[in-house]
Amino acid sequence: MLTETRWQKEQELMHSTFPEFTPFTKSDRFGFEGYLKGSKSGNPYRVTLEADQKSYPQCPPSVFMNPRIGMFWTGAEDRP
């Protein structure tokens, strides 16, 4: 279960690693959203990391990218 202390620490970690990402909470979900630039194409990719507050950290967050790259990434249309 995501506690308030854990949520604060997650935000601090993300801010130190990806300061351009913004935290969000939506009912029982939480995560971070932002853009990363493709190293080869230079194109921006919207990236969302999202997890369920009740099952985190036992269940890792889902990662969504738009536009998709390859077969291992899911896009926004795949989100629950």
Protein backbone atom coordinates (compact mmCIF):
# COMPACT_ATOMS: atom_id res chain seq x y z
CA MET A 1 0.00 0.00 0.00
CA LEU A 2 1.27 3.46 -0.87
CA THR A 3 1.73 5.50 2.29
CA GLU A 4 2.06 9.29 2.37
CA THR A 5 5.73 8.98 3.37
CA ARG A 6 6.41 6.57 0.48
CA TRP A 7 4.61 8.89 -1.96
CA GLN A 8 6.80 11.83 -0.84
CA LYS A 9 9.97 9.73 -1.28
CA GLU A 10 8.85 8.54 -4.73
CA GLN A 11 8.30 12.17 -5.78
CA GLU A 12 11.74 13.18 -4.48
CA LEU A 13 13.40 10.32 -6.36
CA MET A 14 11.60 11.06 -9.62
CA HIS A 15 12.34 14.78 -9.31
CA SER A 16 16.06 14.08 -8.86
CA THR A 17 16.12 11.68 -11.84
CA PHE A 18 13.48 13.11 -14.19
CA PRO A 19 12.73 16.68 -13.02
CA GLU A 20 10.54 17.32 -16.08
CA PHE A 21 8.03 14.62 -15.03
CA THR A 22 4.95 15.63 -13.05
CA PRO A 23 3.34 13.53 -10.32
CA PHE A 24 -0.40 12.78 -10.39
CA THR A 25 -3.04 10.96 -8.38
CA LYS A 26 -6.38 9.77 -9.80
CA SER A 27 -8.71 8.03 -7.33
CA ASP A 28 -6.84 4.79 -6.50
CA ARG A 29 -4.04 5.29 -9.08
CA PHE A 30 -0.89 7.40 -8.93
CA GLY A 31 2.18 8.00 -11.05
CA PHE A 32 4.24 10.38 -13.13
CA GLU A 33 3.92 11.84 -16.63
CA GLY A 34 6.39 13.57 -18.87
CA TYR A 35 8.20 13.61 -22.18
CA LEU A 36 11.49 12.01 -23.15
CA LYS A 37 13.37 12.72 -26.37
CA GLY A 38 14.32 9.74 -28.54
CA SER A 39 18.10 9.34 -28.61
CA LYS A 40 18.21 8.56 -32.34
CA SER A 41 15.12 10.27 -33.74
CA GLY A 42 15.01 13.27 -31.43
CA ASN A 43 11.22 12.86 -31.36
CA PRO A 44 9.38 13.50 -28.09
CA TYR A 45 7.67 10.51 -26.46
CA ARG A 46 4.96 10.95 -23.85
CA VAL A 47 5.74 8.55 -20.99
CA THR A 48 3.38 7.66 -18.15
CA LEU A 49 4.28 5.49 -15.17
CA GLU A 50 1.12 4.47 -13.31
CA ALA A 51 0.43 2.15 -10.38
CA ASP A 52 -2.39 1.10 -8.07
CA GLN A 53 -2.06 2.62 -4.58
CA LYS A 54 -3.32 -0.54 -2.88
CA SER A 55 -0.88 -2.96 -4.53
CA TYR A 56 2.23 -0.76 -4.75
CA PRO A 57 5.14 -1.52 -4.22
CA GLN A 58 4.38 -5.26 -4.43
CA CYS A 59 3.17 -4.77 -8.03
CA PRO A 60 5.39 -2.53 -10.18
CA PRO A 61 3.96 0.42 -12.12
CA SER A 62 2.81 0.10 -15.72
CA VAL A 63 4.71 2.11 -18.32
CA PHE A 64 2.90 3.67 -21.28
CA MET A 65 4.59 5.40 -24.22
CA ASN A 66 3.02 7.39 -26.99
CA PRO A 67 3.87 7.01 -29.80
CA ARG A 68 4.70 3.34 -29.30
CA ILE A 69 8.10 1.89 -30.11
CA GLY A 70 8.42 -1.78 -30.86
CA MET A 71 6.20 -4.50 -29.48
CA PHE A 72 7.15 -4.24 -25.81
CA TRP A 73 5.56 -0.85 -25.03
CA THR A 74 1.93 -0.08 -24.58
CA GLY A 75 0.29 3.14 -25.61
CA ALA A 76 -2.35 5.33 -24.05
CA GLU A 77 -5.13 3.39 -25.80
CA ASP A 78 -4.09 0.26 -23.84
CA ARG A 79 -4.59 1.90 -20.46
CA PRO A 80 -7.32 0.48 -18.19
